[in-house]
């Protein structure tokens, strides 16, 4: 099942991604091209408020020419020793909050057919506002909104919740509700 790299060429290296063209030898001996996007690992957070809502950030996504509601998330950087540190930093940067309780929910490759991005999703509870929170990234223009499950589901049905991590977060929330698990602990 393994594909052996025969040739590899970086065609572009950006701030977040690196684009690589590779030729690989398939198990049957044939050569095939692969277009790969190398991407830093990331972390996302499902931040539950004390009244059972979730904090979402709304931001414009140029590749799809649309504003989406998303759970807070961001890339690991050189200062982060773990995905949890990334999640804590991103929660504070994007919402101005920290959390008392953290639980790792899952991790996965976002789209392994063309990228190596690995995402870890956490649930955060016991949110509290920080007096002087970390600054948002310079190129971020975010609108913070706490949504009830019903409001978030309506956004999903309207097509403003569509990215994989947030859809996962919404269905995780739905599963918790369906099992009768209390969220506002």
C-alpha atoms as a PDB file:
ATOM      1  CA  UNK A   1       0.000   0.000   0.000  1.00  0.00           C
ATOM      2  CA  UNK A   2       2.957   2.368   0.374  1.00  0.00           C
ATOM      3  CA  UNK A   3       3.874   4.924  -2.267  1.00  0.00           C
ATOM      4  CA  UNK A   4       7.607   5.652  -2.533  1.00  0.00           C
ATOM      5  CA  UNK A   5       8.615   9.206  -3.401  1.00  0.00           C
ATOM      6  CA  UNK A   6      10.757   9.279  -6.541  1.00  0.00           C
ATOM      7  CA  UNK A   7      10.936  13.050  -7.021  1.00  0.00           C
ATOM      8  CA  UNK A   8       9.796  16.021  -4.915  1.00  0.00           C
ATOM      9  CA  UNK A   9       9.699  19.707  -5.831  1.00  0.00           C
ATOM     10  CA  UNK A  10       8.519  22.617  -3.653  1.00  0.00           C
ATOM     11  CA  UNK A  11       6.688  24.977  -6.004  1.00  0.00           C
ATOM     12  CA  UNK A  12       5.647  27.577  -3.421  1.00  0.00           C
ATOM     13  CA  UNK A  13       6.287  28.199   0.258  1.00  0.00           C
ATOM     14  CA  UNK A  14       3.834  30.589   1.911  1.00  0.00           C
ATOM     15  CA  UNK A  15       3.237  31.700   5.503  1.00  0.00           C
ATOM     16  CA  UNK A  16       0.831  28.855   6.261  1.00  0.00           C
ATOM     17  CA  UNK A  17       1.309  26.292   3.511  1.00  0.00           C
ATOM     18  CA  UNK A  18       3.897  24.758   1.263  1.00  0.00           C
ATOM     19  CA  UNK A  19       2.935  23.361  -2.145  1.00  0.00           C
ATOM     20  CA  UNK A  20       4.793  20.283  -3.298  1.00  0.00           C
ATOM     21  CA  UNK A  21       4.682  18.288  -6.538  1.00  0.00           C
ATOM     22  CA  UNK A  22       5.820  14.716  -6.116  1.00  0.00           C
ATOM     23  CA  UNK A  23       6.218  11.707  -8.321  1.00  0.00           C
ATOM     24  CA  UNK A  24       5.618   8.449  -6.493  1.00  0.00           C
ATOM     25  CA  UNK A  25       6.149   4.814  -7.338  1.00  0.00           C
ATOM     26  CA  UNK A  26       2.945   2.870  -6.761  1.00  0.00           C
ATOM     27  CA  UNK A  27       2.960  -0.691  -5.355  1.00  0.00           C
ATOM     28  CA  UNK A  28       2.440  -1.971  -8.920  1.00  0.00           C
ATOM     29  CA  UNK A  29       5.639  -0.165 -10.050  1.00  0.00           C
ATOM     30  CA  UNK A  30       3.944   2.592 -12.043  1.00  0.00           C
ATOM     31  CA  UNK A  31       4.790   6.268 -11.502  1.00  0.00           C
ATOM     32  CA  UNK A  32       2.017   8.717 -10.517  1.00  0.00           C
ATOM     33  CA  UNK A  33       1.924  12.454  -9.724  1.00  0.00           C
ATOM     34  CA  UNK A  34       0.860  13.813  -6.325  1.00  0.00           C
ATOM     35  CA  UNK A  35       0.012  17.428  -5.480  1.00  0.00           C
ATOM     36  CA  UNK A  36       0.524  17.969  -1.758  1.00  0.00           C
ATOM     37  CA  UNK A  37      -0.202  20.917   0.503  1.00  0.00           C
ATOM     38  CA  UNK A  38       2.009  20.830   3.599  1.00  0.00           C
ATOM     39  CA  UNK A  39       0.172  22.587   6.416  1.00  0.00           C
ATOM     40  CA  UNK A  40       0.955  23.321  10.059  1.00  0.00           C
ATOM     41  CA  UNK A  41      -1.027  21.386  12.645  1.00  0.00           C
ATOM     42  CA  UNK A  42      -3.981  23.182  14.213  1.00  0.00           C
ATOM     43  CA  UNK A  43      -6.324  23.120  17.199  1.00  0.00           C
ATOM     44  CA  UNK A  44      -9.997  24.039  17.523  1.00  0.00           C
ATOM     45  CA  UNK A  45     -12.215  24.640  20.524  1.00  0.00           C
ATOM     46  CA  UNK A  46     -15.885  24.032  21.296  1.00  0.00           C
ATOM     47  CA  UNK A  47     -16.248  26.701  24.019  1.00  0.00           C
ATOM     48  CA  UNK A  48     -19.379  26.115  26.129  1.00  0.00           C
ATOM     49  CA  UNK A  49     -20.700  29.072  28.104  1.00  0.00           C
ATOM     50  CA  UNK A  50     -22.178  28.583  31.575  1.00  0.00           C
ATOM     51  CA  UNK A  51     -25.682  28.919  30.110  1.00  0.00           C
ATOM     52  CA  UNK A  52     -25.120  26.069  27.630  1.00  0.00           C
ATOM     53  CA  UNK A  53     -24.350  28.091  24.514  1.00  0.00           C
ATOM     54  CA  UNK A  54     -21.238  27.869  22.354  1.00  0.00           C
ATOM     55  CA  UNK A  55     -19.037  30.797  21.355  1.00  0.00           C
ATOM     56  CA  UNK A  56     -18.616  31.075  17.602  1.00  0.00           C
ATOM     57  CA  UNK A  57     -16.571  33.486  15.542  1.00  0.00           C
ATOM     58  CA  UNK A  58     -17.951  34.786  12.276  1.00  0.00           C
ATOM     59  CA  UNK A  59     -15.406  35.609   9.631  1.00  0.00           C
ATOM     60  CA  UNK A  60     -15.192  36.063   5.901  1.00  0.00           C
ATOM     61  CA  UNK A  61     -13.516  33.201   4.035  1.00  0.00           C
ATOM     62  CA  UNK A  62     -12.095  34.400   0.730  1.00  0.00           C
ATOM     63  CA  UNK A  63     -11.742  30.950  -0.925  1.00  0.00           C
ATOM     64  CA  UNK A  64     -15.531  30.489  -0.775  1.00  0.00           C
ATOM     65  CA  UNK A  65     -16.470  34.207  -0.882  1.00  0.00           C
ATOM     66  CA  UNK A  66     -18.693  33.847   2.188  1.00  0.00           C
ATOM     67  CA  UNK A  67     -18.778  34.659   5.893  1.00  0.00           C
ATOM     68  CA  UNK A  68     -19.083  31.586   8.103  1.00  0.00           C
ATOM     69  CA  UNK A  69     -19.745  30.905  11.768  1.00  0.00           C
ATOM     70  CA  UNK A  70     -16.882  28.744  13.059  1.00  0.00           C
ATOM     71  CA  UNK A  71     -15.640  27.412  16.346  1.00  0.00           C
ATOM     72  CA  UNK A  72     -12.426  29.197  17.391  1.00  0.00           C
ATOM     73  CA  UNK A  73      -9.300  27.616  15.926  1.00  0.00           C
ATOM     74  CA  UNK A  74      -5.796  28.315  14.792  1.00  0.00           C
ATOM     75  CA  UNK A  75      -2.419  27.006  13.794  1.00  0.00           C
ATOM     76  CA  UNK A  76       0.275  25.743  16.112  1.00  0.00           C
ATOM     77  CA  UNK A  77       3.167  28.136  16.191  1.00  0.00           C
ATOM     78  CA  UNK A  78       6.734  27.936  17.436  1.00  0.00           C
ATOM     79  CA  UNK A  79       5.707  29.020  20.957  1.00  0.00           C
ATOM     80  CA  UNK A  80       3.212  26.155  21.397  1.00  0.00           C
ATOM     81  CA  UNK A  81       4.525  22.954  22.951  1.00  0.00           C
ATOM     82  CA  UNK A  82       1.273  21.053  22.363  1.00  0.00           C
ATOM     83  CA  UNK A  83      -2.099  21.266  20.615  1.00  0.00           C
ATOM     84  CA  UNK A  84      -3.666  22.115  23.991  1.00  0.00           C
ATOM     85  CA  UNK A  85      -1.410  25.177  24.301  1.00  0.00           C
ATOM     86  CA  UNK A  86      -2.493  26.188  20.798  1.00  0.00           C
ATOM     87  CA  UNK A  87      -6.162  25.779  21.761  1.00  0.00           C
ATOM     88  CA  UNK A  88      -5.731  27.882  24.916  1.00  0.00           C
ATOM     89  CA  UNK A  89      -3.928  30.636  23.017  1.00  0.00           C
ATOM     90  CA  UNK A  90      -6.460  30.676  20.173  1.00  0.00           C
ATOM     91  CA  UNK A  91      -9.450  30.742  22.548  1.00  0.00           C
ATOM     92  CA  UNK A  92      -8.020  33.808  24.257  1.00  0.00           C
ATOM     93  CA  UNK A  93      -7.005  35.536  21.010  1.00  0.00           C
ATOM     94  CA  UNK A  94     -10.335  34.992  19.260  1.00  0.00           C
ATOM     95  CA  UNK A  95     -12.822  35.304  22.156  1.00  0.00           C
ATOM     96  CA  UNK A  96     -11.003  37.136  24.953  1.00  0.00           C
ATOM     97  CA  UNK A  97     -11.760  34.173  27.239  1.00  0.00           C
ATOM     98  CA  UNK A  98      -9.904  31.441  29.054  1.00  0.00           C
ATOM     99  CA  UNK A  99     -11.392  28.194  30.331  1.00  0.00           C
ATOM    100  CA  UNK A 100     -11.128  26.308  33.631  1.00  0.00           C
ATOM    101  CA  UNK A 101     -11.867  22.883  32.129  1.00  0.00           C
ATOM    102  CA  UNK A 102     -10.395  21.347  28.977  1.00  0.00           C
ATOM    103  CA  UNK A 103     -11.132  17.983  27.388  1.00  0.00           C
ATOM    104  CA  UNK A 104      -9.630  16.621  24.192  1.00  0.00           C
ATOM    105  CA  UNK A 105     -12.485  15.346  21.999  1.00  0.00           C
ATOM    106  CA  UNK A 106     -10.796  14.069  18.831  1.00  0.00           C
ATOM    107  CA  UNK A 107      -8.045  14.612  16.313  1.00  0.00           C
ATOM    108  CA  UNK A 108      -7.934  13.946  12.583  1.00  0.00           C
ATOM    109  CA  UNK A 109      -6.386  14.785   9.238  1.00  0.00           C
ATOM    110  CA  UNK A 110      -8.623  17.430   7.676  1.00  0.00           C
ATOM    111  CA  UNK A 111      -8.305  16.172   4.096  1.00  0.00           C
ATOM    112  CA  UNK A 112      -5.480  13.621   3.659  1.00  0.00           C
ATOM    113  CA  UNK A 113      -6.059  13.273  -0.075  1.00  0.00           C
ATOM    114  CA  UNK A 114      -4.046  16.456  -0.624  1.00  0.00           C
ATOM    115  CA  UNK A 115      -2.856  17.916   2.724  1.00  0.00           C
ATOM    116  CA  UNK A 116      -1.114  16.774   5.883  1.00  0.00           C
ATOM    117  CA  UNK A 117      -2.989  19.230   8.155  1.00  0.00           C
ATOM    118  CA  UNK A 118      -3.718  17.528  11.502  1.00  0.00           C
ATOM    119  CA  UNK A 119      -6.409  19.075  13.696  1.00  0.00           C
ATOM    120  CA  UNK A 120      -7.117  18.461  17.390  1.00  0.00           C
ATOM    121  CA  UNK A 121     -10.492  19.510  18.798  1.00  0.00           C
ATOM    122  CA  UNK A 122     -11.069  20.364  22.459  1.00  0.00           C
ATOM    123  CA  UNK A 123     -14.115  21.138  24.547  1.00  0.00           C
ATOM    124  CA  UNK A 124     -13.708  24.074  26.913  1.00  0.00           C
ATOM    125  CA  UNK A 125     -15.950  24.899  29.902  1.00  0.00           C
ATOM    126  CA  UNK A 126     -15.845  27.339  32.784  1.00  0.00           C
ATOM    127  CA  UNK A 127     -15.149  30.276  30.494  1.00  0.00           C
ATOM    128  CA  UNK A 128     -14.119  33.586  31.983  1.00  0.00           C
ATOM    129  CA  UNK A 129     -13.237  36.928  30.428  1.00  0.00           C
ATOM    130  CA  UNK A 130      -9.577  38.024  30.464  1.00  0.00           C
ATOM    131  CA  UNK A 131      -8.833  41.668  31.350  1.00  0.00           C
ATOM    132  CA  UNK A 132      -6.065  42.087  28.768  1.00  0.00           C
ATOM    133  CA  UNK A 133      -6.452  39.204  26.311  1.00  0.00           C
ATOM    134  CA  UNK A 134      -3.928  38.231  23.681  1.00  0.00           C
ATOM    135  CA  UNK A 135      -4.345  40.206  20.472  1.00  0.00           C
ATOM    136  CA  UNK A 136      -6.031  38.713  17.424  1.00  0.00           C
ATOM    137  CA  UNK A 137      -3.894  38.120  14.374  1.00  0.00           C
ATOM    138  CA  UNK A 138      -3.519  41.289  12.292  1.00  0.00           C
ATOM    139  CA  UNK A 139      -5.374  39.812   9.321  1.00  0.00           C
ATOM    140  CA  UNK A 140      -8.352  38.550  11.355  1.00  0.00           C
ATOM    141  CA  UNK A 141     -11.651  40.381  11.352  1.00  0.00           C
ATOM    142  CA  UNK A 142     -13.891  38.395  13.699  1.00  0.00           C
ATOM    143  CA  UNK A 143     -17.381  38.839  15.090  1.00  0.00           C
ATOM    144  CA  UNK A 144     -17.959  36.903  18.332  1.00  0.00           C
ATOM    145  CA  UNK A 145     -21.400  35.402  18.949  1.00  0.00           C
ATOM    146  CA  UNK A 146     -22.767  32.983  21.559  1.00  0.00           C
ATOM    147  CA  UNK A 147     -25.346  30.701  19.945  1.00  0.00           C
ATOM    148  CA  UNK A 148     -27.801  28.275  21.478  1.00  0.00           C
ATOM    149  CA  UNK A 149     -27.968  24.832  19.889  1.00  0.00           C
ATOM    150  CA  UNK A 150     -31.138  25.777  18.024  1.00  0.00           C
ATOM    151  CA  UNK A 151     -29.535  28.982  16.701  1.00  0.00           C
ATOM    152  CA  UNK A 152     -26.394  27.112  15.631  1.00  0.00           C
ATOM    153  CA  UNK A 153     -28.462  24.413  13.921  1.00  0.00           C
ATOM    154  CA  UNK A 154     -30.384  27.116  12.034  1.00  0.00           C
ATOM    155  CA  UNK A 155     -27.042  28.597  10.866  1.00  0.00           C
ATOM    156  CA  UNK A 156     -26.029  25.123   9.682  1.00  0.00           C
ATOM    157  CA  UNK A 157     -29.283  24.765   7.747  1.00  0.00           C
ATOM    158  CA  UNK A 158     -28.761  28.229   6.213  1.00  0.00           C
ATOM    159  CA  UNK A 159     -25.252  27.301   5.088  1.00  0.00           C
ATOM    160  CA  UNK A 160     -23.267  29.602   7.380  1.00  0.00           C
ATOM    161  CA  UNK A 161     -21.792  26.671   9.315  1.00  0.00           C
ATOM    162  CA  UNK A 162     -20.022  24.588   6.693  1.00  0.00           C
ATOM    163  CA  UNK A 163     -16.366  24.003   7.568  1.00  0.00           C
ATOM    164  CA  UNK A 164     -15.420  20.504   8.750  1.00  0.00           C
ATOM    165  CA  UNK A 165     -14.255  21.355  12.264  1.00  0.00           C
ATOM    166  CA  UNK A 166     -17.390  23.362  13.057  1.00  0.00           C
ATOM    167  CA  UNK A 167     -19.760  20.809  11.538  1.00  0.00           C
ATOM    168  CA  UNK A 168     -18.006  18.190  13.685  1.00  0.00           C
ATOM    169  CA  UNK A 169     -18.400  20.458  16.730  1.00  0.00           C
ATOM    170  CA  UNK A 170     -22.101  20.933  16.033  1.00  0.00           C
ATOM    171  CA  UNK A 171     -22.723  17.190  15.678  1.00  0.00           C
ATOM    172  CA  UNK A 172     -20.661  16.528  18.821  1.00  0.00           C
ATOM    173  CA  UNK A 173     -22.937  18.998  20.627  1.00  0.00           C
ATOM    174  CA  UNK A 174     -26.006  17.279  19.159  1.00  0.00           C
ATOM    175  CA  UNK A 175     -24.777  13.874  20.353  1.00  0.00           C
ATOM    176  CA  UNK A 176     -24.266  15.246  23.872  1.00  0.00           C
ATOM    177  CA  UNK A 177     -27.813  16.633  23.850  1.00  0.00           C
ATOM    178  CA  UNK A 178     -29.263  13.415  22.417  1.00  0.00           C
ATOM    179  CA  UNK A 179     -27.585  11.449  25.232  1.00  0.00           C
ATOM    180  CA  UNK A 180     -28.992  13.855  27.816  1.00  0.00           C
ATOM    181  CA  UNK A 181     -25.535  15.023  28.885  1.00  0.00           C
ATOM    182  CA  UNK A 182     -25.624  18.290  30.796  1.00  0.00           C
ATOM    183  CA  UNK A 183     -23.566  20.957  29.096  1.00  0.00           C
ATOM    184  CA  UNK A 184     -23.801  23.804  31.569  1.00  0.00           C
ATOM    185  CA  UNK A 185     -21.681  22.166  34.266  1.00  0.00           C
END
